[in-house]
Amino acid sequence: MRSRANTYAYRTAPWDRPAREIIVRTAAGDRRRGWLLLDGRAVPVALGRGGIVTDKREGDGGTPRGAFCPVRLWWRADRHPRPRTALPVRRITAADAWSEDPTERRYNLPIRVRDGEPGDRLMRQDHLYDFIIEIDHNTRPRIPGRGSAVFLHLARAHFAPTAGCIGMTRQAMLRLLARIGPQTRIVIG
């Protein structure tokens, strides 16, 4: 039988706690590709077609430079079992979208839409949004035109560039989800 001290040490091992920090850097030679650094491992990722940018603007294709925190995981329950994570989790439904219109009062917020209404639909035919880690980019305060819907999500084939998000393989996403929590800092740049 383990002593209380050993049980406590076992339960608080580093791999049981969310990571303190995740770093995303540009890959040498291609500003549209990068590396996500976590627990001493480098995972290849796709970046925005504009690379990492300091002055993020709506539609520029840039991945914003800065330090961010994850807000929640959005996930396709119709395609995957619920992943292990310390983040709050929300199932994606057909009505879920994201407001990308800087003139809307709900700009850069999740919205519910009906068929034909504008918004970045979260339930997609492809698998890019099967897992979405929402981050707190342009949230406090929300400034119209400074960028919306910046997520960590699954990558396209061959790590094709994103519209400003960070894309990775499903395996890398699941590994990241197991190590990320609301207090984890995501440092891009």
N, C-alpha and C. Protein backbone atom coordinates (compact mmCIF):
# COMPACT_ATOMS: atom_id res chain seq x y z
N MET A 1 0.84 -1.18 0.00
CA MET A 1 0.00 0.00 0.00
C MET A 1 0.88 1.25 0.00
N ARG A 2 0.51 2.24 -0.81
CA ARG A 2 1.28 3.48 -0.90
C ARG A 2 0.99 4.37 0.30
N SER A 3 2.02 5.10 0.69
CA SER A 3 1.80 6.07 1.76
C SER A 3 1.08 7.28 1.18
N ARG A 4 0.54 8.13 2.07
CA ARG A 4 -0.14 9.33 1.63
C ARG A 4 0.78 10.24 0.83
N ALA A 5 2.00 10.38 1.24
CA ALA A 5 2.97 11.24 0.54
C ALA A 5 3.19 10.75 -0.88
N ASN A 6 3.33 9.43 -1.05
CA ASN A 6 3.54 8.88 -2.40
C ASN A 6 2.28 9.03 -3.26
N THR A 7 1.11 8.86 -2.67
CA THR A 7 -0.13 9.03 -3.42
C THR A 7 -0.25 10.45 -3.91
N TYR A 8 0.06 11.43 -3.06
CA TYR A 8 0.00 12.84 -3.45
C TYR A 8 0.97 13.12 -4.59
N ALA A 9 2.18 12.60 -4.49
CA ALA A 9 3.18 12.81 -5.54
C ALA A 9 2.71 12.19 -6.85
N TYR A 10 2.09 11.03 -6.77
CA TYR A 10 1.61 10.37 -7.97
C TYR A 10 0.51 11.18 -8.65
N ARG A 11 -0.44 11.70 -7.87
CA ARG A 11 -1.56 12.44 -8.43
C ARG A 11 -1.16 13.79 -9.00
N THR A 12 -0.07 14.34 -8.58
CA THR A 12 0.32 15.66 -9.06
C THR A 12 1.55 15.60 -9.96
N ALA A 13 1.77 14.46 -10.56
CA ALA A 13 2.88 14.34 -11.50
C ALA A 13 2.69 15.36 -12.63
N PRO A 14 3.77 15.87 -13.22
CA PRO A 14 3.66 16.91 -14.25
C PRO A 14 2.72 16.56 -15.39
N TRP A 15 2.64 15.31 -15.79
CA TRP A 15 1.79 14.95 -16.92
C TRP A 15 0.31 14.92 -16.53
N ASP A 16 -0.01 15.01 -15.22
CA ASP A 16 -1.40 15.06 -14.78
C ASP A 16 -1.94 16.48 -14.73
N ARG A 17 -1.06 17.47 -14.75
CA ARG A 17 -1.47 18.88 -14.68
C ARG A 17 -1.39 19.49 -16.07
N PRO A 18 -2.27 20.47 -16.34
CA PRO A 18 -2.15 21.16 -17.62
C PRO A 18 -0.80 21.87 -17.75
N ALA A 19 -0.31 21.94 -18.96
CA ALA A 19 0.95 22.62 -19.23
C ALA A 19 0.80 24.11 -18.89
N ARG A 20 1.88 24.72 -18.46
CA ARG A 20 1.86 26.16 -18.16
C ARG A 20 1.91 26.99 -19.43
N GLU A 21 2.66 26.48 -20.43
CA GLU A 21 2.87 27.28 -21.62
C GLU A 21 3.06 26.41 -22.86
N ILE A 22 2.52 26.89 -23.95
CA ILE A 22 2.70 26.28 -25.27
C ILE A 22 3.26 27.40 -26.15
N ILE A 23 4.27 27.08 -26.93
CA ILE A 23 4.89 28.09 -27.79
C ILE A 23 4.69 27.70 -29.25
N VAL A 24 4.34 28.67 -30.08
CA VAL A 24 4.20 28.45 -31.52
C VAL A 24 5.17 29.39 -32.22
N ARG A 25 6.03 28.82 -33.05
CA ARG A 25 7.05 29.59 -33.78
C ARG A 25 6.95 29.29 -35.27
N THR A 26 7.42 30.23 -36.07
CA THR A 26 7.48 30.05 -37.52
C THR A 26 8.59 29.07 -37.86
N ALA A 27 8.36 28.22 -38.86
CA ALA A 27 9.39 27.30 -39.35
C ALA A 27 10.34 28.07 -40.26
N ALA A 28 11.58 27.70 -40.23
CA ALA A 28 12.57 28.35 -41.09
C ALA A 28 12.20 28.14 -42.56
N GLY A 29 12.22 29.21 -43.32
CA GLY A 29 12.01 29.12 -44.75
C GLY A 29 10.57 29.18 -45.24
N ASP A 30 9.58 29.14 -44.33
CA ASP A 30 8.19 29.19 -44.77
C ASP A 30 7.34 29.81 -43.67
N ARG A 31 6.94 31.05 -43.85
CA ARG A 31 6.17 31.75 -42.82
C ARG A 31 4.77 31.18 -42.61
N ARG A 32 4.32 30.31 -43.52
CA ARG A 32 2.99 29.71 -43.41
C ARG A 32 3.00 28.38 -42.65
N ARG A 33 4.18 27.97 -42.23
CA ARG A 33 4.32 26.75 -41.43
C ARG A 33 5.03 27.07 -40.14
N GLY A 34 4.80 26.24 -39.14
CA GLY A 34 5.44 26.50 -37.87
C GLY A 34 5.60 25.25 -37.04
N TRP A 35 6.03 25.49 -35.81
CA TRP A 35 6.22 24.42 -34.83
C TRP A 35 5.49 24.80 -33.55
N LEU A 36 4.77 23.86 -32.98
CA LEU A 36 4.15 24.01 -31.68
C LEU A 36 5.03 23.26 -30.71
N LEU A 37 5.53 23.95 -29.69
CA LEU A 37 6.45 23.36 -28.72
C LEU A 37 5.72 23.09 -27.41
N LEU A 38 5.72 21.82 -27.00
CA LEU A 38 5.04 21.40 -25.78
C LEU A 38 5.78 20.21 -25.18
N ASP A 39 6.09 20.31 -23.92
CA ASP A 39 6.75 19.21 -23.19
C ASP A 39 8.01 18.73 -23.89
N GLY A 40 8.79 19.65 -24.44
CA GLY A 40 10.04 19.28 -25.09
C GLY A 40 9.88 18.69 -26.47
N ARG A 41 8.67 18.66 -27.00
CA ARG A 41 8.42 18.14 -28.34
C ARG A 41 8.04 19.28 -29.28
N ALA A 42 8.45 19.14 -30.52
CA ALA A 42 8.07 20.11 -31.56
C ALA A 42 7.10 19.41 -32.51
N VAL A 43 5.91 19.97 -32.65
CA VAL A 43 4.87 19.41 -33.49
C VAL A 43 4.68 20.35 -34.68
N PRO A 44 4.70 19.83 -35.92
CA PRO A 44 4.49 20.71 -37.07
C PRO A 44 3.05 21.24 -37.10
N VAL A 45 2.92 22.52 -37.48
CA VAL A 45 1.60 23.15 -37.58
C VAL A 45 1.53 24.01 -38.83
N ALA A 46 0.31 24.24 -39.28
CA ALA A 46 0.06 25.20 -40.36
C ALA A 46 -0.28 26.53 -39.72
N LEU A 47 0.21 27.61 -40.30
CA LEU A 47 -0.10 28.96 -39.84
C LEU A 47 -0.91 29.67 -40.92
N GLY A 48 -1.33 30.88 -40.65
CA GLY A 48 -2.07 31.66 -41.61
C GLY A 48 -1.26 31.94 -42.86
N ARG A 49 -1.94 32.15 -43.97
CA ARG A 49 -1.26 32.41 -45.24
C ARG A 49 -0.39 33.67 -45.18
N GLY A 50 -0.65 34.56 -44.23
CA GLY A 50 0.14 35.77 -44.04
C GLY A 50 1.24 35.61 -43.00
N GLY A 51 1.41 34.40 -42.46
CA GLY A 51 2.41 34.16 -41.42
C GLY A 51 1.94 34.74 -40.09
N ILE A 52 2.88 34.90 -39.17
CA ILE A 52 2.58 35.48 -37.86
C ILE A 52 2.70 36.99 -37.99
N VAL A 53 1.64 37.71 -37.60
CA VAL A 53 1.59 39.16 -37.77
C VAL A 53 1.39 39.86 -36.43
N THR A 54 1.97 41.04 -36.31
CA THR A 54 1.83 41.84 -35.09
C THR A 54 0.54 42.64 -35.10
N ASP A 55 0.16 43.16 -36.25
CA ASP A 55 -1.01 44.04 -36.37
C ASP A 55 -2.13 43.29 -37.09
N LYS A 56 -2.77 42.35 -36.40
CA LYS A 56 -3.81 41.50 -36.97
C LYS A 56 -5.01 42.32 -37.42
N ARG A 57 -5.49 42.04 -38.63
CA ARG A 57 -6.68 42.68 -39.20
C ARG A 57 -7.60 41.60 -39.79
N GLU A 58 -8.88 41.86 -39.75
CA GLU A 58 -9.86 40.92 -40.30
C GLU A 58 -9.55 40.64 -41.77
N GLY A 59 -9.44 39.36 -42.13
CA GLY A 59 -9.25 38.96 -43.51
C GLY A 59 -7.82 39.01 -44.01
N ASP A 60 -6.83 39.37 -43.16
CA ASP A 60 -5.44 39.48 -43.63
C ASP A 60 -4.74 38.13 -43.75
N GLY A 61 -5.34 37.07 -43.23
CA GLY A 61 -4.73 35.75 -43.32
C GLY A 61 -3.59 35.55 -42.35
N GLY A 62 -3.36 36.50 -41.45
CA GLY A 62 -2.27 36.41 -40.50
C GLY A 62 -2.67 35.71 -39.22
N THR A 63 -1.71 35.01 -38.63
CA THR A 63 -1.87 34.43 -37.31
C THR A 63 -1.36 35.46 -36.31
N PRO A 64 -2.16 35.86 -35.33
CA PRO A 64 -1.75 36.96 -34.45
C PRO A 64 -0.60 36.60 -33.51
N ARG A 65 0.36 37.51 -33.41
CA ARG A 65 1.46 37.39 -32.46
C ARG A 65 0.94 37.79 -31.08
N GLY A 66 1.36 37.09 -30.05
CA GLY A 66 0.96 37.47 -28.69
C GLY A 66 0.84 36.27 -27.78
N ALA A 67 0.38 36.53 -26.56
CA ALA A 67 0.15 35.49 -25.57
C ALA A 67 -1.35 35.40 -25.32
N PHE A 68 -1.89 34.22 -25.43
CA PHE A 68 -3.32 34.00 -25.33
C PHE A 68 -3.61 32.84 -24.38
N CYS A 69 -4.85 32.75 -23.94
CA CYS A 69 -5.30 31.62 -23.12
C CYS A 69 -6.42 30.90 -23.86
N PRO A 70 -6.48 29.59 -23.71
CA PRO A 70 -7.61 28.87 -24.31
C PRO A 70 -8.89 29.16 -23.53
N VAL A 71 -9.99 29.25 -24.24
CA VAL A 71 -11.29 29.53 -23.62
C VAL A 71 -12.06 28.23 -23.43
N ARG A 72 -12.20 27.46 -24.52
CA ARG A 72 -12.93 26.20 -24.46
C ARG A 72 -12.61 25.36 -25.69
N LEU A 73 -13.01 24.10 -25.63
CA LEU A 73 -12.93 23.19 -26.76
C LEU A 73 -14.32 23.06 -27.35
N TRP A 74 -14.42 23.26 -28.66
CA TRP A 74 -15.62 22.96 -29.42
C TRP A 74 -15.32 21.63 -30.13
N TRP A 75 -16.27 20.69 -30.13
CA TRP A 75 -15.98 19.36 -30.66
C TRP A 75 -17.18 18.74 -31.34
N ARG A 76 -16.89 17.96 -32.40
CA ARG A 76 -17.92 17.26 -33.18
C ARG A 76 -18.20 15.90 -32.54
N ALA A 77 -19.24 15.87 -31.71
CA ALA A 77 -19.61 14.63 -31.03
C ALA A 77 -20.15 13.58 -31.99
N ASP A 78 -20.61 14.01 -33.17
CA ASP A 78 -21.12 13.06 -34.15
C ASP A 78 -19.99 12.34 -34.89
N ARG A 79 -18.76 12.80 -34.72
CA ARG A 79 -17.61 12.19 -35.41
C ARG A 79 -16.58 11.57 -34.47
N HIS A 80 -16.49 12.08 -33.24
CA HIS A 80 -15.43 11.64 -32.33
C HIS A 80 -15.96 11.52 -30.90
N PRO A 81 -15.39 10.59 -30.13
CA PRO A 81 -15.74 10.57 -28.71
C PRO A 81 -15.17 11.82 -28.03
N ARG A 82 -15.74 12.17 -26.92
CA ARG A 82 -15.27 13.35 -26.19
C ARG A 82 -13.81 13.15 -25.79
N PRO A 83 -12.93 14.08 -26.16
CA PRO A 83 -11.52 13.93 -25.83
C PRO A 83 -11.25 14.27 -24.36
N ARG A 84 -10.14 13.74 -23.86
CA ARG A 84 -9.71 14.06 -22.50
C ARG A 84 -9.08 15.45 -22.52
N THR A 85 -9.58 16.36 -21.68
CA THR A 85 -9.03 17.70 -21.58
C THR A 85 -9.51 18.37 -20.30
N ALA A 86 -8.74 19.35 -19.83
CA ALA A 86 -9.13 20.13 -18.66
C ALA A 86 -9.92 21.38 -19.08
N LEU A 87 -10.06 21.59 -20.38
CA LEU A 87 -10.81 22.74 -20.87
C LEU A 87 -12.32 22.51 -20.75
N PRO A 88 -13.10 23.59 -20.61
CA PRO A 88 -14.55 23.43 -20.76
C PRO A 88 -14.82 22.93 -22.18
N VAL A 89 -15.84 22.09 -22.34
CA VAL A 89 -16.11 21.46 -23.63
C VAL A 89 -17.55 21.78 -24.07
N ARG A 90 -17.69 22.07 -25.36
CA ARG A 90 -19.02 22.32 -25.94
C ARG A 90 -19.14 21.55 -27.24
N ARG A 91 -20.26 20.84 -27.41
CA ARG A 91 -20.53 20.12 -28.65
C ARG A 91 -20.90 21.12 -29.75
N ILE A 92 -20.44 20.85 -30.95
CA ILE A 92 -20.79 21.68 -32.10
C ILE A 92 -22.10 21.16 -32.68
N THR A 93 -23.03 22.10 -32.93
CA THR A 93 -24.31 21.75 -33.56
C THR A 93 -24.39 22.45 -34.92
N ALA A 94 -25.39 22.09 -35.70
CA ALA A 94 -25.57 22.69 -37.03
C ALA A 94 -25.85 24.18 -36.96
N ALA A 95 -26.33 24.68 -35.83
CA ALA A 95 -26.65 26.10 -35.70
C ALA A 95 -25.46 26.95 -35.22
N ASP A 96 -24.35 26.33 -34.85
CA ASP A 96 -23.20 27.07 -34.31
C ASP A 96 -22.39 27.70 -35.43
N ALA A 97 -22.05 28.97 -35.22
CA ALA A 97 -21.22 29.72 -36.17
C ALA A 97 -20.43 30.76 -35.37
N TRP A 98 -19.61 31.53 -36.09
CA TRP A 98 -18.81 32.58 -35.47
C TRP A 98 -19.02 33.87 -36.26
N SER A 99 -19.27 34.97 -35.57
CA SER A 99 -19.49 36.24 -36.24
C SER A 99 -18.16 36.86 -36.66
N GLU A 100 -17.99 37.04 -37.98
CA GLU A 100 -16.76 37.64 -38.53
C GLU A 100 -17.01 39.00 -39.15
N ASP A 101 -18.20 39.54 -38.97
CA ASP A 101 -18.56 40.83 -39.55
C ASP A 101 -18.27 41.94 -38.55
N PRO A 102 -17.25 42.80 -38.82
CA PRO A 102 -16.87 43.85 -37.88
C PRO A 102 -17.99 44.86 -37.59
N THR A 103 -19.02 44.91 -38.44
CA THR A 103 -20.12 45.85 -38.20
C THR A 103 -21.18 45.27 -37.27
N GLU A 104 -21.12 43.99 -36.99
CA GLU A 104 -22.09 43.33 -36.11
C GLU A 104 -21.74 43.55 -34.65
N ARG A 105 -22.74 43.68 -33.81
CA ARG A 105 -22.49 43.85 -32.37
C ARG A 105 -21.95 42.56 -31.74
N ARG A 106 -22.18 41.42 -32.42
CA ARG A 106 -21.70 40.13 -31.91
C ARG A 106 -20.37 39.72 -32.57
N TYR A 107 -19.66 40.68 -33.14
CA TYR A 107 -18.38 40.41 -33.81
C TYR A 107 -17.45 39.62 -32.88
N ASN A 108 -16.80 38.63 -33.46
CA ASN A 108 -15.85 37.74 -32.77
C ASN A 108 -16.47 37.04 -31.56
N LEU A 109 -17.71 36.63 -31.72
CA LEU A 109 -18.40 35.85 -30.70
C LEU A 109 -19.08 34.65 -31.36
N PRO A 110 -19.28 33.57 -30.60
CA PRO A 110 -20.06 32.47 -31.15
C PRO A 110 -21.51 32.92 -31.29
N ILE A 111 -22.14 32.49 -32.37
CA ILE A 111 -23.53 32.85 -32.63
C ILE A 111 -24.30 31.60 -33.05
N ARG A 112 -25.61 31.68 -32.99
CA ARG A 112 -26.49 30.62 -33.48
C ARG A 112 -27.13 31.16 -34.75
N VAL A 113 -27.09 30.39 -35.82
CA VAL A 113 -27.63 30.84 -37.10
C VAL A 113 -28.57 29.81 -37.70
N ARG A 114 -29.42 30.30 -38.59
CA ARG A 114 -30.30 29.43 -39.38
C ARG A 114 -29.71 29.34 -40.78
N ASP A 115 -30.21 28.43 -41.58
CA ASP A 115 -29.75 28.30 -42.97
C ASP A 115 -29.84 29.64 -43.67
N GLY A 116 -28.79 29.99 -44.40
CA GLY A 116 -28.76 31.22 -45.17
C GLY A 116 -28.24 32.44 -44.43
N GLU A 117 -28.13 32.37 -43.12
CA GLU A 117 -27.60 33.50 -42.36
C GLU A 117 -26.07 33.48 -42.40
N PRO A 118 -25.44 34.68 -42.35
CA PRO A 118 -23.98 34.74 -42.42
C PRO A 118 -23.31 34.27 -41.13
N GLY A 119 -22.04 33.89 -41.26
CA GLY A 119 -21.23 33.45 -40.13
C GLY A 119 -20.35 32.30 -40.54
N ASP A 120 -19.24 32.13 -39.87
CA ASP A 120 -18.33 31.02 -40.11
C ASP A 120 -18.91 29.79 -39.43
N ARG A 121 -19.50 28.90 -40.22
CA ARG A 121 -20.15 27.69 -39.68
C ARG A 121 -19.12 26.78 -39.02
N LEU A 122 -19.42 26.32 -37.82
CA LEU A 122 -18.50 25.44 -37.11
C LEU A 122 -18.70 23.98 -37.50
N MET A 123 -19.89 23.61 -37.95
CA MET A 123 -20.13 22.24 -38.41
C MET A 123 -19.87 22.22 -39.91
N ARG A 124 -18.70 21.70 -40.27
CA ARG A 124 -18.26 21.72 -41.67
C ARG A 124 -18.26 20.31 -42.24
N GLN A 125 -18.30 20.22 -43.58
CA GLN A 125 -18.23 18.93 -44.25
C GLN A 125 -16.83 18.32 -44.11
N ASP A 126 -15.80 19.18 -44.23
CA ASP A 126 -14.44 18.67 -44.05
C ASP A 126 -14.20 18.46 -42.55
N HIS A 127 -13.00 18.11 -42.19
CA HIS A 127 -12.72 17.79 -40.79
C HIS A 127 -11.94 18.88 -40.06
N LEU A 128 -11.74 20.04 -40.67
CA LEU A 128 -10.94 21.10 -40.04
C LEU A 128 -11.43 21.48 -38.66
N TYR A 129 -12.73 21.55 -38.49
CA TYR A 129 -13.31 22.01 -37.23
C TYR A 129 -13.85 20.86 -36.37
N ASP A 130 -13.37 19.65 -36.57
CA ASP A 130 -13.81 18.55 -35.70
C ASP A 130 -13.43 18.83 -34.25
N PHE A 131 -12.30 19.49 -34.04
CA PHE A 131 -11.86 19.95 -32.72
C PHE A 131 -11.40 21.40 -32.90
N ILE A 132 -11.95 22.31 -32.11
CA ILE A 132 -11.57 23.71 -32.17
C ILE A 132 -11.21 24.17 -30.76
N ILE A 133 -10.00 24.65 -30.59
CA ILE A 133 -9.65 25.30 -29.33
C ILE A 133 -9.83 26.79 -29.55
N GLU A 134 -10.83 27.35 -28.90
CA GLU A 134 -11.09 28.79 -28.95
C GLU A 134 -10.08 29.48 -28.05
N ILE A 135 -9.44 30.55 -28.54
CA ILE A 135 -8.51 31.32 -27.71
C ILE A 135 -9.06 32.73 -27.50
N ASP A 136 -8.48 33.44 -26.55
CA ASP A 136 -9.00 34.76 -26.19
C ASP A 136 -8.39 35.90 -27.01
N HIS A 137 -8.14 35.66 -28.28
CA HIS A 137 -7.66 36.73 -29.16
C HIS A 137 -8.80 37.73 -29.42
N ASN A 138 -8.50 39.01 -29.29
CA ASN A 138 -9.45 40.11 -29.55
C ASN A 138 -10.77 39.93 -28.80
N THR A 139 -10.65 39.69 -27.48
CA THR A 139 -11.86 39.49 -26.68
C THR A 139 -12.06 40.55 -25.61
N ARG A 140 -11.01 41.07 -25.04
CA ARG A 140 -11.12 42.05 -23.94
C ARG A 140 -10.20 43.22 -24.18
N PRO A 141 -10.66 44.25 -24.84
CA PRO A 141 -11.98 44.43 -25.45
C PRO A 141 -12.01 43.83 -26.85
N ARG A 142 -13.21 43.61 -27.36
CA ARG A 142 -13.38 43.20 -28.76
C ARG A 142 -13.32 44.46 -29.60
N ILE A 143 -12.39 44.51 -30.52
CA ILE A 143 -12.22 45.68 -31.38
C ILE A 143 -12.59 45.29 -32.80
N PRO A 144 -13.64 45.93 -33.36
CA PRO A 144 -14.05 45.59 -34.73
C PRO A 144 -12.88 45.69 -35.71
N GLY A 145 -12.75 44.63 -36.53
CA GLY A 145 -11.73 44.61 -37.56
C GLY A 145 -10.36 44.10 -37.13
N ARG A 146 -10.18 43.77 -35.85
CA ARG A 146 -8.87 43.32 -35.36
C ARG A 146 -8.72 41.80 -35.39
N GLY A 147 -9.64 41.11 -36.03
CA GLY A 147 -9.52 39.67 -36.21
C GLY A 147 -10.52 38.89 -35.39
N SER A 148 -11.08 37.87 -36.03
CA SER A 148 -12.08 37.02 -35.37
C SER A 148 -11.82 35.56 -35.72
N ALA A 149 -12.42 34.69 -34.92
CA ALA A 149 -12.37 33.24 -35.17
C ALA A 149 -10.95 32.72 -35.33
N VAL A 150 -10.05 33.14 -34.44
CA VAL A 150 -8.68 32.61 -34.44
C VAL A 150 -8.68 31.41 -33.51
N PHE A 151 -8.50 30.23 -34.09
CA PHE A 151 -8.61 28.97 -33.36
C PHE A 151 -7.36 28.12 -33.55
N LEU A 152 -7.24 27.09 -32.73
CA LEU A 152 -6.36 25.97 -33.00
C LEU A 152 -7.30 24.87 -33.47
N HIS A 153 -7.07 24.33 -34.65
CA HIS A 153 -7.97 23.32 -35.22
C HIS A 153 -7.15 22.33 -36.04
N LEU A 154 -7.82 21.40 -36.70
CA LEU A 154 -7.12 20.40 -37.50
C LEU A 154 -6.61 21.03 -38.79
N ALA A 155 -5.51 20.49 -39.30
CA ALA A 155 -4.85 21.03 -40.49
C ALA A 155 -5.44 20.41 -41.76
N ARG A 156 -5.31 21.18 -42.85
CA ARG A 156 -5.63 20.67 -44.18
C ARG A 156 -4.51 19.72 -44.61
N ALA A 157 -4.73 19.02 -45.69
CA ALA A 157 -3.71 18.12 -46.24
C ALA A 157 -2.42 18.89 -46.51
N HIS A 158 -1.31 18.28 -46.21
CA HIS A 158 0.03 18.85 -46.45
C HIS A 158 0.25 20.17 -45.71
N PHE A 159 -0.48 20.37 -44.62
CA PHE A 159 -0.36 21.59 -43.80
C PHE A 159 -0.52 22.86 -44.65
N ALA A 160 -1.50 22.85 -45.52
CA ALA A 160 -1.81 24.05 -46.31
C ALA A 160 -2.13 25.18 -45.35
N PRO A 161 -1.83 26.43 -45.73
CA PRO A 161 -2.05 27.56 -44.82
C PRO A 161 -3.51 27.73 -44.42
N THR A 162 -3.71 28.34 -43.26
CA THR A 162 -5.04 28.63 -42.74
C THR A 162 -5.40 30.09 -43.07
N ALA A 163 -6.56 30.51 -42.61
CA ALA A 163 -6.98 31.91 -42.76
C ALA A 163 -6.46 32.77 -41.61
N GLY A 164 -5.67 32.18 -40.71
CA GLY A 164 -5.11 32.90 -39.57
C GLY A 164 -5.04 32.06 -38.31
N CYS A 165 -5.55 30.85 -38.40
CA CYS A 165 -5.55 29.94 -37.26
C CYS A 165 -4.26 29.12 -37.22
N ILE A 166 -4.21 28.16 -36.31
CA ILE A 166 -3.11 27.22 -36.21
C ILE A 166 -3.70 25.84 -36.42
N GLY A 167 -3.21 25.13 -37.45
CA GLY A 167 -3.73 23.80 -37.78
C GLY A 167 -2.74 22.71 -37.48
N MET A 168 -3.22 21.57 -37.04
CA MET A 168 -2.35 20.44 -36.70
C MET A 168 -3.05 19.13 -36.99
N THR A 169 -2.31 18.05 -36.92
CA THR A 169 -2.90 16.72 -37.15
C THR A 169 -3.85 16.36 -36.01
N ARG A 170 -4.71 15.41 -36.27
CA ARG A 170 -5.64 14.93 -35.23
C ARG A 170 -4.88 14.37 -34.04
N GLN A 171 -3.84 13.59 -34.31
CA GLN A 171 -3.05 13.00 -33.22
C GLN A 171 -2.41 14.09 -32.36
N ALA A 172 -1.86 15.12 -33.00
CA ALA A 172 -1.25 16.22 -32.25
C ALA A 172 -2.31 16.98 -31.45
N MET A 173 -3.49 17.17 -32.03
CA MET A 173 -4.58 17.85 -31.33
C MET A 173 -4.97 17.08 -30.07
N LEU A 174 -5.15 15.78 -30.18
CA LEU A 174 -5.55 14.98 -29.02
C LEU A 174 -4.48 15.02 -27.93
N ARG A 175 -3.22 14.99 -28.32
CA ARG A 175 -2.12 15.09 -27.36
C ARG A 175 -2.15 16.46 -26.67
N LEU A 176 -2.37 17.51 -27.47
CA LEU A 176 -2.44 18.86 -26.92
C LEU A 176 -3.62 19.00 -25.97
N LEU A 177 -4.78 18.49 -26.35
CA LEU A 177 -5.97 18.59 -25.50
C LEU A 177 -5.76 17.94 -24.14
N ALA A 178 -5.01 16.84 -24.11
CA ALA A 178 -4.74 16.16 -22.85
C ALA A 178 -3.83 16.98 -21.94
N ARG A 179 -3.10 17.96 -22.49
CA ARG A 179 -2.13 18.74 -21.72
C ARG A 179 -2.51 20.20 -21.53
N ILE A 180 -3.64 20.64 -22.07
CA ILE A 180 -3.99 22.06 -22.02
C ILE A 180 -5.13 22.29 -21.02
N GLY A 181 -5.09 23.47 -20.39
CA GLY A 181 -6.14 23.88 -19.46
C GLY A 181 -6.40 25.36 -19.60
N PRO A 182 -7.40 25.88 -18.91
CA PRO A 182 -7.75 27.29 -19.02
C PRO A 182 -6.61 28.25 -18.65
N GLN A 183 -5.68 27.83 -17.82
CA GLN A 183 -4.57 28.70 -17.40
C GLN A 183 -3.32 28.56 -18.27
N THR A 184 -3.34 27.65 -19.23
CA THR A 184 -2.20 27.46 -20.12
C THR A 184 -2.03 28.69 -21.01
N ARG A 185 -0.82 29.21 -21.08
CA ARG A 185 -0.53 30.34 -21.98
C ARG A 185 -0.11 29.80 -23.33
N ILE A 186 -0.69 30.35 -24.37
CA ILE A 186 -0.32 30.00 -25.74
C ILE A 186 0.43 31.21 -26.29
N VAL A 187 1.73 31.06 -26.45
CA VAL A 187 2.58 32.16 -26.90
C VAL A 187 2.88 31.96 -28.38
N ILE A 188 2.39 32.89 -29.20
CA ILE A 188 2.59 32.82 -30.65
C ILE A 188 3.58 33.89 -31.05
N GLY A 189 4.64 33.48 -31.71
CA GLY A 189 5.62 34.46 -32.17
C GLY A 189 6.99 33.98 -31.96
